[in-house]
């Protein structure tokens, strides 16, 4: 297996291009953009963001929950997120 080196996006122009591409260039653009933004804000891996349900983030009345319990798929660690610090 070939090991890939993954580096963070540091250039704000490239970040903007990635966001615009995700939003505008795919049929599921809004979904892809949202997954990217949630991952960027929470530092969760895409696989962990994809496991989130609406009920993990929002109360039945539509307000943002105070916290959410997240299980990191790769490391097996458990996290409690304070959603109000992200939204």
Protein backbone atom coordinates (compact mmCIF):
# COMPACT_ATOMS: atom_id res chain seq x y z
CA UNK A 1 0.00 0.00 0.00
CA UNK A 2 1.35 3.42 -0.97
CA UNK A 3 1.35 5.95 1.83
CA UNK A 4 -0.07 9.33 0.85
CA UNK A 5 0.99 12.58 2.44
CA UNK A 6 -1.97 14.81 3.23
CA UNK A 7 -1.35 18.45 4.09
CA UNK A 8 -3.81 21.10 5.31
CA UNK A 9 -5.00 23.81 2.96
CA UNK A 10 -3.20 26.95 4.13
CA UNK A 11 -3.80 29.28 1.19
CA UNK A 12 -7.14 31.10 1.59
CA UNK A 13 -7.50 31.39 -2.20
CA UNK A 14 -7.21 27.63 -2.64
CA UNK A 15 -9.63 27.08 0.25
CA UNK A 16 -12.16 29.38 -1.45
CA UNK A 17 -11.69 27.49 -4.74
CA UNK A 18 -12.32 24.15 -3.00
CA UNK A 19 -15.45 25.50 -1.31
CA UNK A 20 -16.77 26.98 -4.57
CA UNK A 21 -16.05 23.74 -6.43
CA UNK A 22 -17.85 21.66 -3.80
CA UNK A 23 -20.82 24.01 -3.86
CA UNK A 24 -21.16 24.54 -7.61
CA UNK A 25 -19.67 21.60 -9.51
CA UNK A 26 -21.60 18.61 -8.24
CA UNK A 27 -25.23 17.53 -8.18
CA UNK A 28 -24.91 17.16 -4.39
CA UNK A 29 -23.03 20.43 -4.02
CA UNK A 30 -24.83 21.80 -0.97
CA UNK A 31 -24.40 18.46 0.82
CA UNK A 32 -20.69 18.20 -0.05
CA UNK A 33 -20.09 21.81 0.98
CA UNK A 34 -21.88 21.26 4.30
CA UNK A 35 -19.89 18.09 5.04
CA UNK A 36 -16.66 19.98 4.28
CA UNK A 37 -17.63 22.93 6.48
CA UNK A 38 -18.70 20.74 9.43
CA UNK A 39 -15.48 18.73 9.14
CA UNK A 40 -13.43 21.90 8.99
CA UNK A 41 -15.16 23.42 12.03
CA UNK A 42 -15.13 20.27 14.17
CA UNK A 43 -11.94 18.61 12.86
CA UNK A 44 -13.93 15.39 12.42
CA UNK A 45 -13.06 13.01 9.61
CA UNK A 46 -15.54 12.79 6.74
CA UNK A 47 -16.49 9.26 7.82
CA UNK A 48 -17.47 10.61 11.25
CA UNK A 49 -19.32 13.62 9.82
CA UNK A 50 -21.29 11.27 7.55
CA UNK A 51 -22.50 9.30 10.57
CA UNK A 52 -24.07 12.39 12.14
CA UNK A 53 -27.84 12.54 12.04
CA UNK A 54 -30.03 15.61 12.14
CA UNK A 55 -31.07 14.51 15.64
CA UNK A 56 -27.40 14.62 16.73
CA UNK A 57 -27.28 18.36 16.03
CA UNK A 58 -30.85 19.67 16.34
CA UNK A 59 -33.60 19.40 18.95
CA UNK A 60 -37.12 18.44 17.76
CA UNK A 61 -38.09 22.15 17.76
CA UNK A 62 -35.24 22.95 15.32
CA UNK A 63 -32.89 24.61 17.79
CA UNK A 64 -29.26 23.52 17.96
CA UNK A 65 -28.54 21.01 20.72
CA UNK A 66 -26.14 22.03 23.45
CA UNK A 67 -23.91 18.95 23.07
CA UNK A 68 -23.50 15.76 21.05
CA UNK A 69 -21.73 12.50 21.80
CA UNK A 70 -19.42 11.45 18.93
CA UNK A 71 -17.55 8.15 18.53
CA UNK A 72 -14.42 8.56 16.37
CA UNK A 73 -14.44 5.65 13.93
CA UNK A 74 -10.69 5.48 13.33
CA UNK A 75 -9.34 5.92 16.86
CA UNK A 76 -12.31 4.60 18.83
CA UNK A 77 -12.22 7.70 21.03
CA UNK A 78 -15.39 9.30 22.32
CA UNK A 79 -15.96 13.04 22.24
CA UNK A 80 -18.61 15.35 23.58
CA UNK A 81 -19.04 18.35 21.30
CA UNK A 82 -20.47 21.64 22.40
CA UNK A 83 -22.34 22.58 19.20
CA UNK A 84 -22.83 26.18 20.30
CA UNK A 85 -19.10 26.77 19.92
CA UNK A 86 -19.38 25.79 16.22
CA UNK A 87 -22.66 27.40 15.13
